[in-house]
Amino acid sequence: MFKEFKAFIARGNVLDLAIAVIIGAAFGKIVTSLTEDVLMPVIGKLFGGLDFSSYFLTLGPVPAALQGSSDYAALKKAGVPLLGYGEFITQFVNFVIIAFIIFLIVRAVNRVMPATIADAPAEAADVTLLREIRDELRARKGA
Protein backbone atom coordinates (compact mmCIF):
# COMPACT_ATOMS: atom_id res chain seq x y z
CA MET A 1 0.00 0.00 0.00
CA PHE A 2 2.87 2.37 0.78
CA LYS A 3 4.41 1.72 -2.66
CA GLU A 4 1.11 2.57 -4.36
CA PHE A 5 0.83 5.77 -2.32
CA LYS A 6 4.42 6.70 -3.20
CA ALA A 7 3.71 6.07 -6.89
CA PHE A 8 0.56 8.17 -6.68
CA ILE A 9 2.36 11.09 -5.05
CA ALA A 10 5.27 10.87 -7.48
CA ARG A 11 3.01 11.28 -10.50
CA GLY A 12 3.57 14.58 -12.26
CA ASN A 13 -0.01 15.81 -12.19
CA VAL A 14 -0.26 15.41 -8.40
CA LEU A 15 2.89 17.47 -7.89
CA ASP A 16 1.67 20.06 -10.40
CA LEU A 17 -1.63 20.32 -8.55
CA ALA A 18 0.12 20.74 -5.20
CA ILE A 19 2.33 23.49 -6.59
CA ALA A 20 -0.70 25.19 -8.17
CA VAL A 21 -2.57 25.15 -4.86
CA ILE A 22 0.38 26.67 -2.99
CA ILE A 23 0.95 29.36 -5.61
CA GLY A 24 -2.80 30.00 -5.81
CA ALA A 25 -2.99 30.55 -2.04
CA ALA A 26 -0.09 33.00 -2.16
CA PHE A 27 -1.57 34.76 -5.19
CA GLY A 28 -4.93 34.93 -3.40
CA LYS A 29 -3.34 36.80 -0.50
CA ILE A 30 -1.73 39.28 -2.88
CA VAL A 31 -4.98 39.90 -4.74
CA THR A 32 -6.94 40.18 -1.46
CA SER A 33 -4.48 42.77 -0.19
CA LEU A 34 -4.64 44.66 -3.48
CA THR A 35 -8.43 44.65 -3.31
CA GLU A 36 -8.89 45.47 0.38
CA ASP A 37 -5.87 47.71 0.99
CA VAL A 38 -5.48 49.53 -2.32
CA LEU A 39 -8.57 49.45 -4.51
CA MET A 40 -11.45 49.48 -2.00
CA PRO A 41 -10.14 52.58 -0.18
CA VAL A 42 -9.88 54.36 -3.56
CA ILE A 43 -13.42 53.28 -4.47
CA GLY A 44 -14.58 54.41 -1.02
CA LYS A 45 -12.89 57.79 -1.51
CA LEU A 46 -14.44 58.23 -4.94
CA PHE A 47 -17.89 57.59 -3.51
CA GLY A 48 -17.39 59.90 -0.51
CA GLY A 49 -16.09 57.41 2.05
CA LEU A 50 -18.89 54.96 1.31
CA ASP A 51 -18.55 51.79 3.38
CA PHE A 52 -20.85 49.13 1.99
CA SER A 53 -20.50 46.91 5.06
CA SER A 54 -22.55 49.34 7.15
CA TYR A 55 -25.66 48.56 5.11
CA PHE A 56 -27.82 45.87 6.68
CA LEU A 57 -31.30 45.13 7.88
CA THR A 58 -32.01 43.90 11.39
CA LEU A 59 -34.27 40.84 11.31
CA GLY A 60 -34.64 40.24 15.03
CA PRO A 61 -34.36 41.80 18.45
CA VAL A 62 -31.25 43.81 19.27
CA PRO A 63 -29.76 43.57 22.79
CA ALA A 64 -30.22 46.70 24.88
CA ALA A 65 -26.46 47.32 24.98
CA LEU A 66 -26.34 47.55 21.17
CA GLN A 67 -29.59 49.44 20.63
CA GLY A 68 -29.11 52.01 17.85
CA SER A 69 -25.72 50.57 16.87
CA SER A 70 -24.70 50.52 13.22
CA ASP A 71 -21.69 48.28 13.82
CA TYR A 72 -22.44 45.25 11.65
CA ALA A 73 -19.62 43.15 13.13
CA ALA A 74 -20.67 43.84 16.73
CA LEU A 75 -24.33 43.07 16.02
CA LYS A 76 -23.40 39.89 14.18
CA LYS A 77 -21.10 38.82 17.04
CA ALA A 78 -23.97 39.41 19.49
CA GLY A 79 -26.07 36.94 17.51
CA VAL A 80 -28.53 39.45 16.09
CA PRO A 81 -30.10 38.09 12.89
CA LEU A 82 -29.04 40.45 10.12
CA LEU A 83 -29.50 40.71 6.37
CA GLY A 84 -26.05 42.03 5.48
CA TYR A 85 -26.58 43.15 1.91
CA GLY A 86 -23.77 45.71 2.24
CA GLU A 87 -21.26 42.98 3.03
CA PHE A 88 -22.57 41.05 0.02
CA ILE A 89 -22.02 44.11 -2.18
CA THR A 90 -18.48 44.42 -0.81
CA GLN A 91 -17.73 40.76 -1.55
CA PHE A 92 -19.26 41.07 -5.02
CA VAL A 93 -17.12 44.13 -5.82
CA ASN A 94 -14.06 42.21 -4.54
CA PHE A 95 -14.94 39.30 -6.82
CA VAL A 96 -15.31 41.55 -9.87
CA ILE A 97 -11.98 43.23 -9.13
CA ILE A 98 -10.22 39.88 -8.63
CA ALA A 99 -11.77 38.46 -11.81
CA PHE A 100 -10.64 41.54 -13.75
CA ILE A 101 -7.09 41.28 -12.37
CA ILE A 102 -6.92 37.61 -13.32
CA PHE A 103 -8.24 38.49 -16.79
CA LEU A 104 -5.49 41.10 -17.19
CA ILE A 105 -2.81 38.65 -16.05
CA VAL A 106 -3.99 35.90 -18.42
CA ARG A 107 -4.25 38.43 -21.25
CA ALA A 108 -0.69 39.67 -20.59
CA VAL A 109 0.69 36.13 -20.42
CA ASN A 110 -1.05 35.23 -23.69
CA ARG A 111 0.54 38.24 -25.39
CA VAL A 112 4.02 37.56 -24.02
CA MET A 113 3.99 33.84 -24.67
CA PRO A 114 2.91 33.15 -28.24
CA ALA A 115 0.62 30.20 -28.69
CA THR A 116 2.66 27.21 -29.68
CA ILE A 117 0.60 24.69 -31.51
CA ALA A 118 2.43 21.43 -31.87
CA ASP A 119 2.71 20.26 -35.42
CA ALA A 120 0.07 17.68 -36.04
CA PRO A 121 1.58 14.24 -36.46
CA ALA A 122 1.51 12.91 -39.99
CA GLU A 123 -1.66 11.04 -40.73
CA ALA A 124 -1.29 7.31 -41.21
CA ALA A 125 -1.44 6.13 -44.82
CA ASP A 126 -4.49 3.96 -44.25
CA VAL A 127 -6.41 6.88 -42.71
CA THR A 128 -5.51 9.06 -45.67
CA LEU A 129 -6.66 6.34 -48.09
CA LEU A 130 -9.95 5.90 -46.22
CA ARG A 131 -10.54 9.66 -46.36
CA GLU A 132 -9.96 9.68 -50.10
CA ILE A 133 -12.37 6.76 -50.58
CA ARG A 134 -15.01 8.52 -48.47
CA ASP A 135 -14.62 11.74 -50.45
CA GLU A 136 -14.84 9.85 -53.76
CA LEU A 137 -18.01 8.06 -52.65
CA ARG A 138 -19.57 11.36 -51.62
CA ALA A 139 -18.66 12.86 -54.98
CA ARG A 140 -20.26 9.94 -56.88
CA LYS A 141 -23.39 10.09 -54.75
CA GLY A 142 -23.82 13.79 -55.47
CA ALA A 143 -23.33 13.43 -59.26
C-alpha atoms as a PDB file:
ATOM      1  CA  MET A   1       0.000   0.000   0.000  1.00  0.00           C
ATOM      2  CA  PHE A   2       2.875   2.373   0.779  1.00  0.00           C
ATOM      3  CA  LYS A   3       4.410   1.722  -2.663  1.00  0.00           C
ATOM      4  CA  GLU A   4       1.113   2.565  -4.355  1.00  0.00           C
ATOM      5  CA  PHE A   5       0.826   5.768  -2.324  1.00  0.00           C
ATOM      6  CA  LYS A   6       4.421   6.697  -3.197  1.00  0.00           C
ATOM      7  CA  ALA A   7       3.714   6.070  -6.894  1.00  0.00           C
ATOM      8  CA  PHE A   8       0.558   8.169  -6.679  1.00  0.00           C
ATOM      9  CA  ILE A   9       2.361  11.092  -5.049  1.00  0.00           C
ATOM     10  CA  ALA A  10       5.270  10.868  -7.481  1.00  0.00           C
ATOM     11  CA  ARG A  11       3.006  11.280 -10.502  1.00  0.00           C
ATOM     12  CA  GLY A  12       3.574  14.580 -12.257  1.00  0.00           C
ATOM     13  CA  ASN A  13      -0.007  15.809 -12.195  1.00  0.00           C
ATOM     14  CA  VAL A  14      -0.262  15.414  -8.399  1.00  0.00           C
ATOM     15  CA  LEU A  15       2.886  17.474  -7.893  1.00  0.00           C
ATOM     16  CA  ASP A  16       1.671  20.061 -10.399  1.00  0.00           C
ATOM     17  CA  LEU A  17      -1.627  20.322  -8.548  1.00  0.00           C
ATOM     18  CA  ALA A  18       0.122  20.736  -5.196  1.00  0.00           C
ATOM     19  CA  ILE A  19       2.327  23.490  -6.594  1.00  0.00           C
ATOM     20  CA  ALA A  20      -0.697  25.191  -8.171  1.00  0.00           C
ATOM     21  CA  VAL A  21      -2.575  25.151  -4.858  1.00  0.00           C
ATOM     22  CA  ILE A  22       0.377  26.668  -2.993  1.00  0.00           C
ATOM     23  CA  ILE A  23       0.946  29.360  -5.611  1.00  0.00           C
ATOM     24  CA  GLY A  24      -2.799  30.000  -5.808  1.00  0.00           C
ATOM     25  CA  ALA A  25      -2.993  30.550  -2.044  1.00  0.00           C
ATOM     26  CA  ALA A  26      -0.093  32.998  -2.156  1.00  0.00           C
ATOM     27  CA  PHE A  27      -1.573  34.757  -5.186  1.00  0.00           C
ATOM     28  CA  GLY A  28      -4.932  34.934  -3.403  1.00  0.00           C
ATOM     29  CA  LYS A  29      -3.337  36.798  -0.503  1.00  0.00           C
ATOM     30  CA  ILE A  30      -1.725  39.277  -2.884  1.00  0.00           C
ATOM     31  CA  VAL A  31      -4.984  39.904  -4.735  1.00  0.00           C
ATOM     32  CA  THR A  32      -6.935  40.175  -1.462  1.00  0.00           C
ATOM     33  CA  SER A  33      -4.477  42.765  -0.186  1.00  0.00           C
ATOM     34  CA  LEU A  34      -4.642  44.656  -3.476  1.00  0.00           C
ATOM     35  CA  THR A  35      -8.426  44.651  -3.311  1.00  0.00           C
ATOM     36  CA  GLU A  36      -8.894  45.467   0.376  1.00  0.00           C
ATOM     37  CA  ASP A  37      -5.872  47.712   0.992  1.00  0.00           C
ATOM     38  CA  VAL A  38      -5.476  49.529  -2.323  1.00  0.00           C
ATOM     39  CA  LEU A  39      -8.569  49.453  -4.513  1.00  0.00           C
ATOM     40  CA  MET A  40     -11.455  49.479  -2.004  1.00  0.00           C
ATOM     41  CA  PRO A  41     -10.144  52.585  -0.182  1.00  0.00           C
ATOM     42  CA  VAL A  42      -9.877  54.364  -3.557  1.00  0.00           C
ATOM     43  CA  ILE A  43     -13.418  53.275  -4.466  1.00  0.00           C
ATOM     44  CA  GLY A  44     -14.583  54.410  -1.019  1.00  0.00           C
ATOM     45  CA  LYS A  45     -12.885  57.794  -1.510  1.00  0.00           C
ATOM     46  CA  LEU A  46     -14.442  58.232  -4.944  1.00  0.00           C
ATOM     47  CA  PHE A  47     -17.891  57.590  -3.505  1.00  0.00           C
ATOM     48  CA  GLY A  48     -17.391  59.897  -0.507  1.00  0.00           C
ATOM     49  CA  GLY A  49     -16.092  57.413   2.053  1.00  0.00           C
ATOM     50  CA  LEU A  50     -18.888  54.963   1.312  1.00  0.00           C
ATOM     51  CA  ASP A  51     -18.555  51.794   3.377  1.00  0.00           C
ATOM     52  CA  PHE A  52     -20.851  49.129   1.992  1.00  0.00           C
ATOM     53  CA  SER A  53     -20.498  46.908   5.065  1.00  0.00           C
ATOM     54  CA  SER A  54     -22.547  49.341   7.148  1.00  0.00           C
ATOM     55  CA  TYR A  55     -25.664  48.558   5.110  1.00  0.00           C
ATOM     56  CA  PHE A  56     -27.818  45.865   6.680  1.00  0.00           C
ATOM     57  CA  LEU A  57     -31.305  45.130   7.884  1.00  0.00           C
ATOM     58  CA  THR A  58     -32.012  43.897  11.393  1.00  0.00           C
ATOM     59  CA  LEU A  59     -34.266  40.836  11.311  1.00  0.00           C
ATOM     60  CA  GLY A  60     -34.640  40.238  15.032  1.00  0.00           C
ATOM     61  CA  PRO A  61     -34.356  41.796  18.454  1.00  0.00           C
ATOM     62  CA  VAL A  62     -31.253  43.810  19.270  1.00  0.00           C
ATOM     63  CA  PRO A  63     -29.761  43.570  22.789  1.00  0.00           C
ATOM     64  CA  ALA A  64     -30.220  46.698  24.881  1.00  0.00           C
ATOM     65  CA  ALA A  65     -26.464  47.318  24.982  1.00  0.00           C
ATOM     66  CA  LEU A  66     -26.340  47.546  21.173  1.00  0.00           C
ATOM     67  CA  GLN A  67     -29.593  49.443  20.635  1.00  0.00           C
ATOM     68  CA  GLY A  68     -29.110  52.012  17.848  1.00  0.00           C
ATOM     69  CA  SER A  69     -25.719  50.566  16.869  1.00  0.00           C
ATOM     70  CA  SER A  70     -24.697  50.520  13.221  1.00  0.00           C
ATOM     71  CA  ASP A  71     -21.691  48.282  13.820  1.00  0.00           C
ATOM     72  CA  TYR A  72     -22.436  45.252  11.651  1.00  0.00           C
ATOM     73  CA  ALA A  73     -19.617  43.151  13.135  1.00  0.00           C
ATOM     74  CA  ALA A  74     -20.668  43.838  16.734  1.00  0.00           C
ATOM     75  CA  LEU A  75     -24.326  43.073  16.020  1.00  0.00           C
ATOM     76  CA  LYS A  76     -23.398  39.890  14.183  1.00  0.00           C
ATOM     77  CA  LYS A  77     -21.104  38.823  17.038  1.00  0.00           C
ATOM     78  CA  ALA A  78     -23.970  39.412  19.491  1.00  0.00           C
ATOM     79  CA  GLY A  79     -26.072  36.938  17.514  1.00  0.00           C
ATOM     80  CA  VAL A  80     -28.534  39.448  16.095  1.00  0.00           C
ATOM     81  CA  PRO A  81     -30.105  38.085  12.886  1.00  0.00           C
ATOM     82  CA  LEU A  82     -29.040  40.453  10.116  1.00  0.00           C
ATOM     83  CA  LEU A  83     -29.500  40.709   6.375  1.00  0.00           C
ATOM     84  CA  GLY A  84     -26.048  42.034   5.484  1.00  0.00           C
ATOM     85  CA  TYR A  85     -26.576  43.148   1.907  1.00  0.00           C
ATOM     86  CA  GLY A  86     -23.772  45.710   2.237  1.00  0.00           C
ATOM     87  CA  GLU A  87     -21.262  42.977   3.025  1.00  0.00           C
ATOM     88  CA  PHE A  88     -22.571  41.053   0.019  1.00  0.00           C
ATOM     89  CA  ILE A  89     -22.016  44.111  -2.184  1.00  0.00           C
ATOM     90  CA  THR A  90     -18.476  44.417  -0.812  1.00  0.00           C
ATOM     91  CA  GLN A  91     -17.728  40.764  -1.555  1.00  0.00           C
ATOM     92  CA  PHE A  92     -19.260  41.071  -5.024  1.00  0.00           C
ATOM     93  CA  VAL A  93     -17.118  44.128  -5.824  1.00  0.00           C
ATOM     94  CA  ASN A  94     -14.061  42.215  -4.536  1.00  0.00           C
ATOM     95  CA  PHE A  95     -14.942  39.301  -6.820  1.00  0.00           C
ATOM     96  CA  VAL A  96     -15.308  41.551  -9.871  1.00  0.00           C
ATOM     97  CA  ILE A  97     -11.979  43.226  -9.128  1.00  0.00           C
ATOM     98  CA  ILE A  98     -10.222  39.883  -8.630  1.00  0.00           C
ATOM     99  CA  ALA A  99     -11.766  38.459 -11.814  1.00  0.00           C
ATOM    100  CA  PHE A 100     -10.641  41.536 -13.753  1.00  0.00           C
ATOM    101  CA  ILE A 101      -7.093  41.283 -12.374  1.00  0.00           C
ATOM    102  CA  ILE A 102      -6.921  37.605 -13.323  1.00  0.00           C
ATOM    103  CA  PHE A 103      -8.238  38.486 -16.788  1.00  0.00           C
ATOM    104  CA  LEU A 104      -5.490  41.105 -17.192  1.00  0.00           C
ATOM    105  CA  ILE A 105      -2.815  38.651 -16.054  1.00  0.00           C
ATOM    106  CA  VAL A 106      -3.987  35.904 -18.420  1.00  0.00           C
ATOM    107  CA  ARG A 107      -4.245  38.425 -21.246  1.00  0.00           C
ATOM    108  CA  ALA A 108      -0.687  39.672 -20.593  1.00  0.00           C
ATOM    109  CA  VAL A 109       0.693  36.129 -20.420  1.00  0.00           C
ATOM    110  CA  ASN A 110      -1.054  35.232 -23.685  1.00  0.00           C
ATOM    111  CA  ARG A 111       0.535  38.237 -25.388  1.00  0.00           C
ATOM    112  CA  VAL A 112       4.020  37.556 -24.016  1.00  0.00           C
ATOM    113  CA  MET A 113       3.990  33.837 -24.673  1.00  0.00           C
ATOM    114  CA  PRO A 114       2.911  33.145 -28.242  1.00  0.00           C
ATOM    115  CA  ALA A 115       0.625  30.198 -28.686  1.00  0.00           C
ATOM    116  CA  THR A 116       2.663  27.206 -29.681  1.00  0.00           C
ATOM    117  CA  ILE A 117       0.603  24.686 -31.506  1.00  0.00           C
ATOM    118  CA  ALA A 118       2.427  21.432 -31.868  1.00  0.00           C
ATOM    119  CA  ASP A 119       2.714  20.255 -35.424  1.00  0.00           C
ATOM    120  CA  ALA A 120       0.073  17.680 -36.042  1.00  0.00           C
ATOM    121  CA  PRO A 121       1.584  14.243 -36.464  1.00  0.00           C
ATOM    122  CA  ALA A 122       1.508  12.911 -39.987  1.00  0.00           C
ATOM    123  CA  GLU A 123      -1.665  11.035 -40.730  1.00  0.00           C
ATOM    124  CA  ALA A 124      -1.295   7.314 -41.211  1.00  0.00           C
ATOM    125  CA  ALA A 125      -1.440   6.128 -44.824  1.00  0.00           C
ATOM    126  CA  ASP A 126      -4.495   3.959 -44.246  1.00  0.00           C
ATOM    127  CA  VAL A 127      -6.412   6.877 -42.714  1.00  0.00           C
ATOM    128  CA  THR A 128      -5.513   9.060 -45.674  1.00  0.00           C
ATOM    129  CA  LEU A 129      -6.655   6.335 -48.090  1.00  0.00           C
ATOM    130  CA  LEU A 130      -9.949   5.902 -46.217  1.00  0.00           C
ATOM    131  CA  ARG A 131     -10.543   9.657 -46.359  1.00  0.00           C
ATOM    132  CA  GLU A 132      -9.965   9.682 -50.101  1.00  0.00           C
ATOM    133  CA  ILE A 133     -12.371   6.758 -50.576  1.00  0.00           C
ATOM    134  CA  ARG A 134     -15.006   8.525 -48.468  1.00  0.00           C
ATOM    135  CA  ASP A 135     -14.618  11.739 -50.447  1.00  0.00           C
ATOM    136  CA  GLU A 136     -14.837   9.846 -53.759  1.00  0.00           C
ATOM    137  CA  LEU A 137     -18.013   8.057 -52.648  1.00  0.00           C
ATOM    138  CA  ARG A 138     -19.575  11.356 -51.621  1.00  0.00           C
ATOM    139  CA  ALA A 139     -18.662  12.858 -54.978  1.00  0.00           C
ATOM    140  CA  ARG A 140     -20.262   9.943 -56.882  1.00  0.00           C
ATOM    141  CA  LYS A 141     -23.393  10.085 -54.752  1.00  0.00           C
ATOM    142  CA  GLY A 142     -23.821  13.791 -55.467  1.00  0.00           C
ATOM    143  CA  ALA A 143     -23.333  13.425 -59.263  1.00  0.00           C
END
